[in-house]
Structures are given as structure tokens and as C-alpha cells.
Amino acid sequence: MKIDVVYTWVDGADSEWNRKRTVVAEKLGARVSSNANSDARFQHNDELKYSLRSVYQFAPWVNKIFIVTDNQVPSWLDISHPKITIIDHKSIFRDQSHLPTFSARAIEANLHHIEDLSEHFIYFNDDMFLGKSTKPTHFFTKNGTPYIFTARLWPKKREHHLDRSKLKGRQDNEHQHAIENSRILISKSLNKDIHDDFRHTVKPMLKSVLYELEEKYNVAFVQTSKHPFRENNAIIPYNLFGFYAIAKSIAKVKYLKTIHRRTKKLNILGRTVFRFNFTYVNMSLENVQLVLEKINIHRPSSFCLNQYSDTSPKVIEEMKLFMQAFFPNRSEYELK
């Protein structure tokens, strides 16, 4: 079974890219929220370099690595390496009028169009990392069935599930709306309510199922693809994939324990049953350094370092030092 890795990446400091972003944002005006167009959403701190180091060190079995960008190439990346392929947005967006785009959702709605992409692939954001050695069977069963990584041992129905009007406070954002849009779409079309919540981590996926979803829910895919920035009426293609795969029993749900859990019972389970574990780091929280220390101690199988608009420059520097220390060895994917 060949398993590829797909990244989405942007250099938010690129002046030409920023010129395009400004032109589109001014044209759309009030339709673009400050959250959707925040500089922090597009800033990179060389996370991709260290994420690739994590794949090189902890998933050497990966077949190919595709990096999807908008006419950009990281200065340190060796694009001549046989495993590395840069994919420009123009080569995967069937409708070129949807470009340029500054929405990860729009890009994700077109990832399965990558030429030569294998049936089995794992989607990474560039701020997602592997923390210890992995096997293909951590992501897919021996029969090739993908795992859907969930945040709970058992699904829990929440007030806002299937009802966007119940989203309140910090939940009332473009991201959560897109999750619930995806959930509602599956509920209405398949008459099955899926209440699982997914971990924000690496995502095993099947190309054929994405093509199936694109055909079945074409209106939603087009609506999402054509939005240059995040909007409330989009879907999240991975969530649609996950809800659909669970409803159709073509994926296996796998609880992904976080190292934040403090109860002794869950920690024992984490060392035995749930050995493939995870942590998510909100880089705007005050206790970031403590969480980074936990990652060093517990070495989770995967983790995400998510920058926010209010992440301080001091924390960003701490994150850079952490990545350098955690992944000190250069990978073959970097220029010498």
C-alpha cells in the first residue's frame, strides 16, 4: 500500500502574494472578516521544514510528498529530491476563476486533483508534526481503511451540532460553521446524525472517496472552492469526508488521547491501549512553555503548534527554539 503525504503551505511574507491578497480583500470588502484575513493565518515560521524533518525521521515509509502552494517554493527546500513535488494551485483548481485563493478550505476541496496522488494519503497542515516513530497501520488498517481520529471515546451530542444558530461566543466563527455545515449535509443526505468531533491533527484520507464526495455534493464543493477567504457557508472537506466515511462504515473511528489528560486512569490507558496519542498547542495561551515541556517529556505521536493572531513575538521565538531542539537533524529534503 503506497501512502503519500500532502501539505498546504504559504509564504505570507511574499510581497506579490500579499499584493494579490490585498486586491481581492478590498474587492470583497465587508464580506471578508478580520479573522479570515488575519496576517497570523498566513505567517510561517519554518514549521514546514521541521514537519518534513518529522516525516523523514518518523515515517520513512512515506511514498511521495506533495506541497501545494501558490507559485511559491520554500528557499531551503530541495525540489530535486525524488520524493518531493511542488503543486501549484493552478494545476488542481478545475475552475481557474476561483483563483487566487487565500482559504485553506478552498484548497482542501481540490487536493484530490493532484496528478499521481496515491489512493491513500495523509493530509498535513504545515504546523503538524510527528513526535515518534510511526507505521502505516497507525493511519490505515492493513486492509487500507482510514482511521478517523476523534476527540472522545464515544460521540457526544452537543447543542450546536446540526444547528448553526446555537453557535455562540468563540464557537461562532467561520471554522465551526463549516464543520456544522458538513455535519448537516451528511445528516440530510444520508439520514444519519454523526456527533463525533475530530482531532486537529494529521488526516488519513482516500482519494476515491473525495472524488465521490465531489460528485455527490458538488454544489458544496464549488461553493467552498470559489470563496477566496473563509466564510460561514463553506464546508470543511476533511470533516465532510470523516462524517461520510463514518456514516457509510468505510472508515474506522480511533480515539486519539491527548497528553493533556491528567486523570491517572486515562494516563495508564494512554501508555497501553492508546499509544498513538496527540496534543494540540494553542500558541496564544499563557502556559505554552509548560505544554512544550510536556511534549518533550511525553513525545506524543503527533502534535500541532497553532499560531493565533494574538500569539506574541516572544512565544513565536520560543516555538522556533522548540522546533530546532526537537528536530535538530537536517532531512534529505533540505538543500545542503
Foldseek 3Di string as FASTA:
>chain_A
DAEAEEEEAADLVDPVVVVVVVVVCVVVDPQQDCQFVPSQLHHDDCLLQLQVLQCVAAPVRHQAYEYEYAPDDPPFFDCVPPRYDYHYQVQQDPDCLLPDASAPQLSQLRVLSDPPHAQKYKYFYSQKHFQHHDDVCVAANPVGAGEFEFADPDFDDDPCQLPVVPQDDPCNDLQNLQLNLLQNVCCVPVVDHDRTHGDPHMHIGGSVVSVVCCVVVVVQSVVRNNHRTRGNSHHRSRSNRVNVCVSVVRHHYDYAAEPPDDDPVVVVCCVPVRVQHEEEAALQDPCRVVVLVSCVVSRHRMYGDRYRSNRDPVSSVVVSVSSCVSSVDRGPRTDD
